[in-house]
C-alpha cells in the first residue's frame, strides 16, 4: 500500500518541478539566442542547461517514483543514479565548454 505524501516531500517535489521549468525556459532562451546570433557557444550553453536541469530533474523524479513504488531493485537503482549524475556532469561540461570556447 502506498504511504501518504508528507508535506516536505510535496515541497521538494514542487521545487524540483519549478527548477525543471525554469531550466527549460533558460535553455529555450539560449537556443533562441543561438538562432539569432549563430554563436555556437549559445548552443552548448543551452544543451548544458537542459541536461543539467530538465533531464536531470525529470530523470531523478521518475527514479524516485519507481523506487517508492518498489519497482527498481538495488542494483537497478545504482545504475539509475549513475545515469542521473552522468547527465549532470555532461551538462556542466557543456556549460564550461561554452564559457571557455574561443570563436
PDB file of N, CA and C in Angstrom:
ATOM      1  N   UNK A   1       0.830  -1.170   0.000  1.00  0.00           N
ATOM      2  CA  UNK A   1       0.000   0.000   0.000  1.00  0.00           C
ATOM      3  C   UNK A   1       0.886   1.250   0.000  1.00  0.00           C
ATOM      4  N   UNK A   2       0.479   2.266  -0.694  1.00  0.00           N
ATOM      5  CA  UNK A   2       1.241   3.495  -0.761  1.00  0.00           C
ATOM      6  C   UNK A   2       1.035   4.326   0.494  1.00  0.00           C
ATOM      7  N   UNK A   3       2.102   4.970   0.904  1.00  0.00           N
ATOM      8  CA  UNK A   3       2.042   5.845   2.061  1.00  0.00           C
ATOM      9  C   UNK A   3       1.559   7.222   1.627  1.00  0.00           C
ATOM     10  N   UNK A   4       1.054   7.981   2.577  1.00  0.00           N
ATOM     11  CA  UNK A   4       0.646   9.353   2.289  1.00  0.00           C
ATOM     12  C   UNK A   4       1.893  10.200   2.048  1.00  0.00           C
ATOM     13  N   UNK A   5       1.754  11.184   1.220  1.00  0.00           N
ATOM     14  CA  UNK A   5       2.872  12.081   0.928  1.00  0.00           C
ATOM     15  C   UNK A   5       2.994  13.096   2.061  1.00  0.00           C
ATOM     16  N   UNK A   6       4.194  13.193   2.604  1.00  0.00           N
ATOM     17  CA  UNK A   6       4.436  14.161   3.670  1.00  0.00           C
ATOM     18  C   UNK A   6       4.575  15.550   3.061  1.00  0.00           C
ATOM     19  N   UNK A   7       4.263  16.600   3.834  1.00  0.00           N
ATOM     20  CA  UNK A   7       4.360  17.970   3.300  1.00  0.00           C
ATOM     21  C   UNK A   7       5.749  18.313   2.777  1.00  0.00           C
ATOM     22  N   UNK A   8       6.786  17.850   3.450  1.00  0.00           N
ATOM     23  CA  UNK A   8       8.143  18.161   2.999  1.00  0.00           C
ATOM     24  C   UNK A   8       8.427  17.525   1.646  1.00  0.00           C
ATOM     25  N   UNK A   9       7.899  16.323   1.420  1.00  0.00           N
ATOM     26  CA  UNK A   9       8.079  15.663   0.124  1.00  0.00           C
ATOM     27  C   UNK A   9       7.352  16.421  -0.977  1.00  0.00           C
ATOM     28  N   UNK A  10       6.204  16.961  -0.646  1.00  0.00           N
ATOM     29  CA  UNK A  10       5.454  17.751  -1.613  1.00  0.00           C
ATOM     30  C   UNK A  10       6.216  19.022  -1.981  1.00  0.00           C
ATOM     31  N   UNK A  11       6.779  19.687  -0.970  1.00  0.00           N
ATOM     32  CA  UNK A  11       7.546  20.913  -1.227  1.00  0.00           C
ATOM     33  C   UNK A  11       8.778  20.613  -2.072  1.00  0.00           C
ATOM     34  N   UNK A  12       9.478  19.542  -1.741  1.00  0.00           N
ATOM     35  CA  UNK A  12      10.663  19.151  -2.513  1.00  0.00           C
ATOM     36  C   UNK A  12      10.278  18.835  -3.958  1.00  0.00           C
ATOM     37  N   UNK A  13       9.185  18.125  -4.143  1.00  0.00           N
ATOM     38  CA  UNK A  13       8.716  17.815  -5.497  1.00  0.00           C
ATOM     39  C   UNK A  13       8.338  19.062  -6.275  1.00  0.00           C
ATOM     40  N   UNK A  14       7.682  19.999  -5.617  1.00  0.00           N
ATOM     41  CA  UNK A  14       7.308  21.250  -6.292  1.00  0.00           C
ATOM     42  C   UNK A  14       8.538  22.076  -6.656  1.00  0.00           C
ATOM     43  N   UNK A  15       9.520  22.113  -5.767  1.00  0.00           N
ATOM     44  CA  UNK A  15      10.753  22.839  -6.082  1.00  0.00           C
ATOM     45  C   UNK A  15      11.502  22.186  -7.244  1.00  0.00           C
ATOM     46  N   UNK A  16      11.538  20.862  -7.269  1.00  0.00           N
ATOM     47  CA  UNK A  16      12.189  20.164  -8.389  1.00  0.00           C
ATOM     48  C   UNK A  16      11.454  20.443  -9.697  1.00  0.00           C
ATOM     49  N   UNK A  17      10.121  20.438  -9.649  1.00  0.00           N
ATOM     50  CA  UNK A  17       9.336  20.750 -10.857  1.00  0.00           C
ATOM     51  C   UNK A  17       9.582  22.196 -11.285  1.00  0.00           C
ATOM     52  N   UNK A  18       9.641  23.097 -10.322  1.00  0.00           N
ATOM     53  CA  UNK A  18       9.918  24.501 -10.637  1.00  0.00           C
ATOM     54  C   UNK A  18      11.296  24.684 -11.243  1.00  0.00           C
ATOM     55  N   UNK A  19      12.304  23.995 -10.692  1.00  0.00           N
ATOM     56  CA  UNK A  19      13.656  24.079 -11.246  1.00  0.00           C
ATOM     57  C   UNK A  19      13.699  23.521 -12.660  1.00  0.00           C
ATOM     58  N   UNK A  20      12.940  22.476 -12.915  1.00  0.00           N
ATOM     59  CA  UNK A  20      12.871  21.901 -14.259  1.00  0.00           C
ATOM     60  C   UNK A  20      12.286  22.906 -15.239  1.00  0.00           C
ATOM     61  N   UNK A  21      11.203  23.556 -14.849  1.00  0.00           N
ATOM     62  CA  UNK A  21      10.563  24.533 -15.742  1.00  0.00           C
ATOM     63  C   UNK A  21      11.455  25.750 -15.976  1.00  0.00           C
ATOM     64  N   UNK A  22      12.098  26.244 -14.929  1.00  0.00           N
ATOM     65  CA  UNK A  22      12.992  27.396 -15.087  1.00  0.00           C
ATOM     66  C   UNK A  22      14.183  27.018 -15.967  1.00  0.00           C
ATOM     67  N   UNK A  23      14.735  25.828 -15.761  1.00  0.00           N
ATOM     68  CA  UNK A  23      15.842  25.370 -16.605  1.00  0.00           C
ATOM     69  C   UNK A  23      15.431  25.227 -18.057  1.00  0.00           C
ATOM     70  N   UNK A  24      14.229  24.736 -18.286  1.00  0.00           N
ATOM     71  CA  UNK A  24      13.722  24.623 -19.649  1.00  0.00           C
ATOM     72  C   UNK A  24      13.559  25.999 -20.285  1.00  0.00           C
ATOM     73  N   UNK A  25      13.058  26.957 -19.520  1.00  0.00           N
ATOM     74  CA  UNK A  25      12.891  28.323 -20.025  1.00  0.00           C
ATOM     75  C   UNK A  25      14.250  28.943 -20.374  1.00  0.00           C
ATOM     76  N   UNK A  26      15.231  28.791 -19.479  1.00  0.00           N
ATOM     77  CA  UNK A  26      16.555  29.357 -19.741  1.00  0.00           C
ATOM     78  C   UNK A  26      17.196  28.683 -20.949  1.00  0.00           C
ATOM     79  N   UNK A  27      17.080  27.362 -21.045  1.00  0.00           N
ATOM     80  CA  UNK A  27      17.610  26.656 -22.211  1.00  0.00           C
ATOM     81  C   UNK A  27      16.946  27.097 -23.496  1.00  0.00           C
ATOM     82  N   UNK A  28      15.632  27.304 -23.438  1.00  0.00           N
ATOM     83  CA  UNK A  28      14.896  27.783 -24.606  1.00  0.00           C
ATOM     84  C   UNK A  28      15.390  29.165 -25.027  1.00  0.00           C
ATOM     85  N   UNK A  29      15.593  30.047 -24.058  1.00  0.00           N
ATOM     86  CA  UNK A  29      16.084  31.390 -24.375  1.00  0.00           C
ATOM     87  C   UNK A  29      17.495  31.335 -24.970  1.00  0.00           C
ATOM     88  N   UNK A  30      18.326  30.433 -24.465  1.00  0.00           N
ATOM     89  CA  UNK A  30      19.674  30.282 -25.026  1.00  0.00           C
ATOM     90  C   UNK A  30      19.615  29.745 -26.461  1.00  0.00           C
ATOM     91  N   UNK A  31      18.684  28.824 -26.728  1.00  0.00           N
ATOM     92  CA  UNK A  31      18.511  28.347 -28.107  1.00  0.00           C
ATOM     93  C   UNK A  31      18.024  29.466 -29.020  1.00  0.00           C
ATOM     94  N   UNK A  32      17.139  30.314 -28.520  1.00  0.00           N
ATOM     95  CA  UNK A  32      16.679  31.455 -29.323  1.00  0.00           C
ATOM     96  C   UNK A  32      17.838  32.404 -29.626  1.00  0.00           C
ATOM     97  N   UNK A  33      18.700  32.632 -28.622  1.00  0.00           N
ATOM     98  CA  UNK A  33      19.869  33.494 -28.838  1.00  0.00           C
ATOM     99  C   UNK A  33      20.810  32.869 -29.859  1.00  0.00           C
ATOM    100  N   UNK A  34      20.960  31.560 -29.805  1.00  0.00           N
ATOM    101  CA  UNK A  34      21.799  30.885 -30.789  1.00  0.00           C
ATOM    102  C   UNK A  34      21.197  31.048 -32.189  1.00  0.00           C
ATOM    103  N   UNK A  35      19.890  30.957 -32.300  1.00  0.00           N
ATOM    104  CA  UNK A  35      19.227  31.129 -33.590  1.00  0.00           C
ATOM    105  C   UNK A  35      19.403  32.533 -34.157  1.00  0.00           C
ATOM    106  N   UNK A  36      19.394  33.524 -33.273  1.00  0.00           N
ATOM    107  CA  UNK A  36      19.558  34.904 -33.728  1.00  0.00           C
ATOM    108  C   UNK A  36      20.990  35.225 -34.117  1.00  0.00           C
ATOM    109  N   UNK A  37      21.924  34.796 -33.303  1.00  0.00           N
ATOM    110  CA  UNK A  37      23.315  35.226 -33.479  1.00  0.00           C
ATOM    111  C   UNK A  37      24.226  34.154 -34.062  1.00  0.00           C
ATOM    112  N   UNK A  38      23.748  32.931 -34.125  1.00  0.00           N
ATOM    113  CA  UNK A  38      24.503  31.790 -34.650  1.00  0.00           C
ATOM    114  C   UNK A  38      25.854  31.624 -33.950  1.00  0.00           C
ATOM    115  N   UNK A  39      25.892  31.941 -32.664  1.00  0.00           N
ATOM    116  CA  UNK A  39      27.098  31.729 -31.871  1.00  0.00           C
ATOM    117  C   UNK A  39      27.030  30.314 -31.299  1.00  0.00           C
ATOM    118  N   UNK A  40      27.923  29.423 -31.705  1.00  0.00           N
ATOM    119  CA  UNK A  40      27.866  28.039 -31.228  1.00  0.00           C
ATOM    120  C   UNK A  40      27.950  27.915 -29.706  1.00  0.00           C
ATOM    121  N   UNK A  41      28.575  28.883 -29.047  1.00  0.00           N
ATOM    122  CA  UNK A  41      28.649  28.839 -27.589  1.00  0.00           C
ATOM    123  C   UNK A  41      27.263  28.825 -26.960  1.00  0.00           C
ATOM    124  N   UNK A  42      26.326  29.541 -27.558  1.00  0.00           N
ATOM    125  CA  UNK A  42      24.969  29.575 -27.017  1.00  0.00           C
ATOM    126  C   UNK A  42      24.287  28.220 -27.170  1.00  0.00           C
ATOM    127  N   UNK A  43      24.610  27.507 -28.232  1.00  0.00           N
ATOM    128  CA  UNK A  43      24.039  26.172 -28.411  1.00  0.00           C
ATOM    129  C   UNK A  43      24.546  25.227 -27.319  1.00  0.00           C
ATOM    130  N   UNK A  44      25.856  25.287 -27.044  1.00  0.00           N
ATOM    131  CA  UNK A  44      26.415  24.437 -25.992  1.00  0.00           C
ATOM    132  C   UNK A  44      25.875  24.831 -24.620  1.00  0.00           C
ATOM    133  N   UNK A  45      25.699  26.125 -24.403  1.00  0.00           N
ATOM    134  CA  UNK A  45      25.124  26.589 -23.146  1.00  0.00           C
ATOM    135  C   UNK A  45      23.695  26.077 -22.986  1.00  0.00           C
ATOM    136  N   UNK A  46      22.903  26.176 -24.036  1.00  0.00           N
ATOM    137  CA  UNK A  46      21.517  25.708 -23.991  1.00  0.00           C
ATOM    138  C   UNK A  46      21.453  24.205 -23.723  1.00  0.00           C
ATOM    139  N   UNK A  47      22.249  23.442 -24.450  1.00  0.00           N
ATOM    140  CA  UNK A  47      22.251  21.989 -24.245  1.00  0.00           C
ATOM    141  C   UNK A  47      22.701  21.628 -22.835  1.00  0.00           C
ATOM    142  N   UNK A  48      23.719  22.324 -22.344  1.00  0.00           N
ATOM    143  CA  UNK A  48      24.207  22.068 -20.996  1.00  0.00           C
ATOM    144  C   UNK A  48      23.156  22.368 -19.943  1.00  0.00           C
ATOM    145  N   UNK A  49      22.460  23.492 -20.094  1.00  0.00           N
ATOM    146  CA  UNK A  49      21.424  23.848 -19.130  1.00  0.00           C
ATOM    147  C   UNK A  49      20.265  22.863 -19.162  1.00  0.00           C
ATOM    148  N   UNK A  50      19.892  22.437 -20.342  1.00  0.00           N
ATOM    149  CA  UNK A  50      18.800  21.467 -20.449  1.00  0.00           C
ATOM    150  C   UNK A  50      19.204  20.130 -19.838  1.00  0.00           C
ATOM    151  N   UNK A  51      20.426  19.685 -20.096  1.00  0.00           N
ATOM    152  CA  UNK A  51      20.895  18.440 -19.473  1.00  0.00           C
ATOM    153  C   UNK A  51      20.972  18.579 -17.959  1.00  0.00           C
ATOM    154  N   UNK A  52      21.500  19.712 -17.508  1.00  0.00           N
ATOM    155  CA  UNK A  52      21.713  19.913 -16.079  1.00  0.00           C
ATOM    156  C   UNK A  52      20.407  20.029 -15.304  1.00  0.00           C
ATOM    157  N   UNK A  53      19.406  20.624 -15.898  1.00  0.00           N
ATOM    158  CA  UNK A  53      18.165  20.856 -15.156  1.00  0.00           C
ATOM    159  C   UNK A  53      17.050  19.923 -15.610  1.00  0.00           C
ATOM    160  N   UNK A  54      16.628  20.043 -16.825  1.00  0.00           N
ATOM    161  CA  UNK A  54      15.439  19.323 -17.290  1.00  0.00           C
ATOM    162  C   UNK A  54      15.660  17.811 -17.261  1.00  0.00           C
ATOM    163  N   UNK A  55      16.713  17.344 -17.877  1.00  0.00           N
ATOM    164  CA  UNK A  55      16.944  15.901 -17.955  1.00  0.00           C
ATOM    165  C   UNK A  55      17.235  15.328 -16.568  1.00  0.00           C
ATOM    166  N   UNK A  56      18.091  16.010 -15.814  1.00  0.00           N
ATOM    167  CA  UNK A  56      18.465  15.503 -14.504  1.00  0.00           C
ATOM    168  C   UNK A  56      17.281  15.469 -13.544  1.00  0.00           C
ATOM    169  N   UNK A  57      16.538  16.569 -13.442  1.00  0.00           N
ATOM    170  CA  UNK A  57      15.408  16.604 -12.509  1.00  0.00           C
ATOM    171  C   UNK A  57      14.294  15.653 -12.942  1.00  0.00           C
ATOM    172  N   UNK A  58      14.028  15.592 -14.225  1.00  0.00           N
ATOM    173  CA  UNK A  58      12.971  14.688 -14.694  1.00  0.00           C
ATOM    174  C   UNK A  58      13.341  13.231 -14.451  1.00  0.00           C
ATOM    175  N   UNK A  59      14.577  12.874 -14.773  1.00  0.00           N
ATOM    176  CA  UNK A  59      15.033  11.505 -14.564  1.00  0.00           C
ATOM    177  C   UNK A  59      15.039  11.157 -13.075  1.00  0.00           C
ATOM    178  N   UNK A  60      15.500  12.094 -12.264  1.00  0.00           N
ATOM    179  CA  UNK A  60      15.524  11.870 -10.824  1.00  0.00           C
ATOM    180  C   UNK A  60      14.116  11.690 -10.266  1.00  0.00           C
ATOM    181  N   UNK A  61      13.176  12.484 -10.753  1.00  0.00           N
ATOM    182  CA  UNK A  61      11.794  12.375 -10.296  1.00  0.00           C
ATOM    183  C   UNK A  61      11.206  11.014 -10.647  1.00  0.00           C
ATOM    184  N   UNK A  62      11.404  10.596 -11.884  1.00  0.00           N
ATOM    185  CA  UNK A  62      10.889   9.289 -12.313  1.00  0.00           C
ATOM    186  C   UNK A  62      11.532   8.183 -11.484  1.00  0.00           C
ATOM    187  N   UNK A  63      12.825   8.276 -11.260  1.00  0.00           N
ATOM    188  CA  UNK A  63      13.507   7.273 -10.461  1.00  0.00           C
ATOM    189  C   UNK A  63      12.999   7.212  -9.033  1.00  0.00           C
ATOM    190  N   UNK A  64      12.754   8.374  -8.440  1.00  0.00           N
ATOM    191  CA  UNK A  64      12.232   8.416  -7.079  1.00  0.00           C
ATOM    192  C   UNK A  64      10.855   7.760  -6.998  1.00  0.00           C
ATOM    193  N   UNK A  65      10.022   8.026  -7.981  1.00  0.00           N
ATOM    194  CA  UNK A  65       8.700   7.400  -8.006  1.00  0.00           C
ATOM    195  C   UNK A  65       8.840   5.878  -8.148  1.00  0.00           C
ATOM    196  N   UNK A  66       9.705   5.434  -9.039  1.00  0.00           N
ATOM    197  CA  UNK A  66       9.898   3.997  -9.230  1.00  0.00           C
ATOM    198  C   UNK A  66      10.457   3.328  -7.975  1.00  0.00           C
ATOM    199  N   UNK A  67      11.323   4.038  -7.258  1.00  0.00           N
ATOM    200  CA  UNK A  67      11.879   3.490  -6.018  1.00  0.00           C
ATOM    201  C   UNK A  67      10.793   3.396  -4.950  1.00  0.00           C
ATOM    202  N   UNK A  68       9.992   4.453  -4.814  1.00  0.00           N
ATOM    203  CA  UNK A  68       8.914   4.431  -3.822  1.00  0.00           C
ATOM    204  C   UNK A  68       7.879   3.352  -4.121  1.00  0.00           C
ATOM    205  N   UNK A  69       7.674   3.071  -5.390  1.00  0.00           N
ATOM    206  CA  UNK A  69       6.741   2.008  -5.763  1.00  0.00           C
ATOM    207  C   UNK A  69       7.397   0.631  -5.721  1.00  0.00           C
ATOM    208  N   UNK A  70       8.667   0.617  -5.348  1.00  0.00           N
ATOM    209  CA  UNK A  70       9.456  -0.616  -5.254  1.00  0.00           C
ATOM    210  C   UNK A  70       9.528  -1.371  -6.592  1.00  0.00           C
ATOM    211  N   UNK A  71       9.670  -0.613  -7.660  1.00  0.00           N
ATOM    212  CA  UNK A  71       9.786  -1.218  -8.990  1.00  0.00           C
ATOM    213  C   UNK A  71      11.235  -1.336  -9.448  1.00  0.00           C
ATOM    214  N   UNK A  72      12.159  -0.727  -8.690  1.00  0.00           N
ATOM    215  CA  UNK A  72      13.576  -0.828  -9.020  1.00  0.00           C
ATOM    216  C   UNK A  72      14.297  -1.585  -7.913  1.00  0.00           C
ATOM    217  N   UNK A  73      15.070  -2.586  -8.289  1.00  0.00           N
ATOM    218  CA  UNK A  73      15.884  -3.306  -7.315  1.00  0.00           C
ATOM    219  C   UNK A  73      17.098  -2.446  -6.962  1.00  0.00           C
ATOM    220  N   UNK A  74      17.843  -2.847  -5.939  1.00  0.00           N
ATOM    221  CA  UNK A  74      19.016  -2.067  -5.531  1.00  0.00           C
ATOM    222  C   UNK A  74      20.044  -1.919  -6.647  1.00  0.00           C
ATOM    223  N   UNK A  75      20.400  -2.993  -7.371  1.00  0.00           N
ATOM    224  CA  UNK A  75      21.350  -2.802  -8.477  1.00  0.00           C
ATOM    225  C   UNK A  75      20.808  -1.868  -9.568  1.00  0.00           C
ATOM    226  N   UNK A  76      19.506  -1.937  -9.843  1.00  0.00           N
ATOM    227  CA  UNK A  76      18.915  -1.036 -10.838  1.00  0.00           C
ATOM    228  C   UNK A  76      18.965   0.409 -10.354  1.00  0.00           C
ATOM    229  N   UNK A  77      18.773   0.612  -9.062  1.00  0.00           N
ATOM    230  CA  UNK A  77      18.836   1.962  -8.511  1.00  0.00           C
ATOM    231  C   UNK A  77      20.226   2.563  -8.702  1.00  0.00           C
ATOM    232  N   UNK A  78      21.258   1.750  -8.502  1.00  0.00           N
ATOM    233  CA  UNK A  78      22.628   2.239  -8.685  1.00  0.00           C
ATOM    234  C   UNK A  78      22.854   2.711 -10.120  1.00  0.00           C
ATOM    235  N   UNK A  79      22.403   1.920 -11.078  1.00  0.00           N
ATOM    236  CA  UNK A  79      22.549   2.314 -12.486  1.00  0.00           C
ATOM    237  C   UNK A  79      21.722   3.558 -12.807  1.00  0.00           C
ATOM    238  N   UNK A  80      20.569   3.638 -12.200  1.00  0.00           N
ATOM    239  CA  UNK A  80      19.697   4.792 -12.428  1.00  0.00           C
ATOM    240  C   UNK A  80      20.352   6.068 -11.921  1.00  0.00           C
ATOM    241  N   UNK A  81      20.887   6.006 -10.703  1.00  0.00           N
ATOM    242  CA  UNK A  81      21.529   7.202 -10.153  1.00  0.00           C
ATOM    243  C   UNK A  81      22.811   7.539 -10.900  1.00  0.00           C
ATOM    244  N   UNK A  82      23.487   6.529 -11.423  1.00  0.00           N
ATOM    245  CA  UNK A  82      24.653   6.791 -12.265  1.00  0.00           C
ATOM    246  C   UNK A  82      24.242   7.602 -13.494  1.00  0.00           C
ATOM    247  N   UNK A  83      23.113   7.242 -14.101  1.00  0.00           N
ATOM    248  CA  UNK A  83      22.623   7.986 -15.269  1.00  0.00           C
ATOM    249  C   UNK A  83      22.266   9.423 -14.893  1.00  0.00           C
ATOM    250  N   UNK A  84      21.665   9.618 -13.729  1.00  0.00           N
ATOM    251  CA  UNK A  84      21.314  10.972 -13.280  1.00  0.00           C
ATOM    252  C   UNK A  84      22.577  11.815 -13.120  1.00  0.00           C
ATOM    253  N   UNK A  85      23.571  11.261 -12.439  1.00  0.00           N
ATOM    254  CA  UNK A  85      24.801  12.022 -12.208  1.00  0.00           C
ATOM    255  C   UNK A  85      25.604  12.211 -13.493  1.00  0.00           C
ATOM    256  N   UNK A  86      25.523  11.258 -14.404  1.00  0.00           N
ATOM    257  CA  UNK A  86      26.201  11.414 -15.693  1.00  0.00           C
ATOM    258  C   UNK A  86      25.581  12.550 -16.500  1.00  0.00           C
ATOM    259  N   UNK A  87      24.257  12.709 -16.455  1.00  0.00           N
ATOM    260  CA  UNK A  87      23.627  13.821 -17.176  1.00  0.00           C
ATOM    261  C   UNK A  87      23.980  15.155 -16.522  1.00  0.00           C
ATOM    262  N   UNK A  88      24.085  15.178 -15.194  1.00  0.00           N
ATOM    263  CA  UNK A  88      24.533  16.400 -14.515  1.00  0.00           C
ATOM    264  C   UNK A  88      25.940  16.762 -14.955  1.00  0.00           C
ATOM    265  N   UNK A  89      26.816  15.772 -14.944  1.00  0.00           N
ATOM    266  CA  UNK A  89      28.211  16.012 -15.318  1.00  0.00           C
ATOM    267  C   UNK A  89      28.323  16.484 -16.769  1.00  0.00           C
ATOM    268  N   UNK A  90      27.596  15.829 -17.669  1.00  0.00           N
ATOM    269  CA  UNK A  90      27.635  16.225 -19.077  1.00  0.00           C
ATOM    270  C   UNK A  90      27.120  17.655 -19.256  1.00  0.00           C
ATOM    271  N   UNK A  91      26.062  18.016 -18.542  1.00  0.00           N
ATOM    272  CA  UNK A  91      25.546  19.376 -18.623  1.00  0.00           C
ATOM    273  C   UNK A  91      26.559  20.391 -18.155  1.00  0.00           C
ATOM    274  N   UNK A  92      27.228  20.104 -17.049  1.00  0.00           N
ATOM    275  CA  UNK A  92      28.252  21.022 -16.546  1.00  0.00           C
ATOM    276  C   UNK A  92      29.437  21.138 -17.505  1.00  0.00           C
ATOM    277  N   UNK A  93      29.822  20.023 -18.108  1.00  0.00           N
ATOM    278  CA  UNK A  93      30.929  20.053 -19.074  1.00  0.00           C
ATOM    279  C   UNK A  93      30.550  20.913 -20.283  1.00  0.00           C
ATOM    280  N   UNK A  94      29.321  20.769 -20.777  1.00  0.00           N
ATOM    281  CA  UNK A  94      28.883  21.594 -21.916  1.00  0.00           C
ATOM    282  C   UNK A  94      28.846  23.074 -21.555  1.00  0.00           C
ATOM    283  N   UNK A  95      28.386  23.393 -20.360  1.00  0.00           N
ATOM    284  CA  UNK A  95      28.359  24.806 -19.929  1.00  0.00           C
ATOM    285  C   UNK A  95      29.798  25.347 -19.814  1.00  0.00           C
ATOM    286  N   UNK A  96      30.685  24.574 -19.208  1.00  0.00           N
ATOM    287  CA  UNK A  96      32.076  25.000 -19.101  1.00  0.00           C
ATOM    288  C   UNK A  96      32.691  25.191 -20.485  1.00  0.00           C
ATOM    289  N   UNK A  97      32.400  24.283 -21.402  1.00  0.00           N
ATOM    290  CA  UNK A  97      32.912  24.410 -22.770  1.00  0.00           C
ATOM    291  C   UNK A  97      32.374  25.680 -23.439  1.00  0.00           C
ATOM    292  N   UNK A  98      31.102  25.953 -23.219  1.00  0.00           N
ATOM    293  CA  UNK A  98      30.507  27.157 -23.812  1.00  0.00           C
ATOM    294  C   UNK A  98      31.167  28.417 -23.272  1.00  0.00           C
ATOM    295  N   UNK A  99      31.527  28.418 -21.998  1.00  0.00           N
ATOM    296  CA  UNK A  99      32.117  29.612 -21.394  1.00  0.00           C
ATOM    297  C   UNK A  99      33.570  29.810 -21.796  1.00  0.00           C
ATOM    298  N   UNK A 100      34.275  28.743 -22.124  1.00  0.00           N
ATOM    299  CA  UNK A 100      35.694  28.851 -22.461  1.00  0.00           C
ATOM    300  C   UNK A 100      35.992  28.654 -23.926  1.00  0.00           C
ATOM    301  N   UNK A 101      34.982  28.482 -24.717  1.00  0.00           N
ATOM    302  CA  UNK A 101      35.156  28.254 -26.155  1.00  0.00           C
ATOM    303  C   UNK A 101      35.614  29.537 -26.828  1.00  0.00           C
ATOM    304  N   UNK A 102      36.584  29.415 -27.675  1.00  0.00           N
ATOM    305  CA  UNK A 102      37.088  30.565 -28.437  1.00  0.00           C
ATOM    306  C   UNK A 102      36.398  30.608 -29.800  1.00  0.00           C
ATOM    307  N   UNK A 103      35.964  31.775 -30.240  1.00  0.00           N
ATOM    308  CA  UNK A 103      35.301  31.865 -31.559  1.00  0.00           C
ATOM    309  C   UNK A 103      36.244  31.625 -32.709  1.00  0.00           C
TER     310      UNK A 103
END
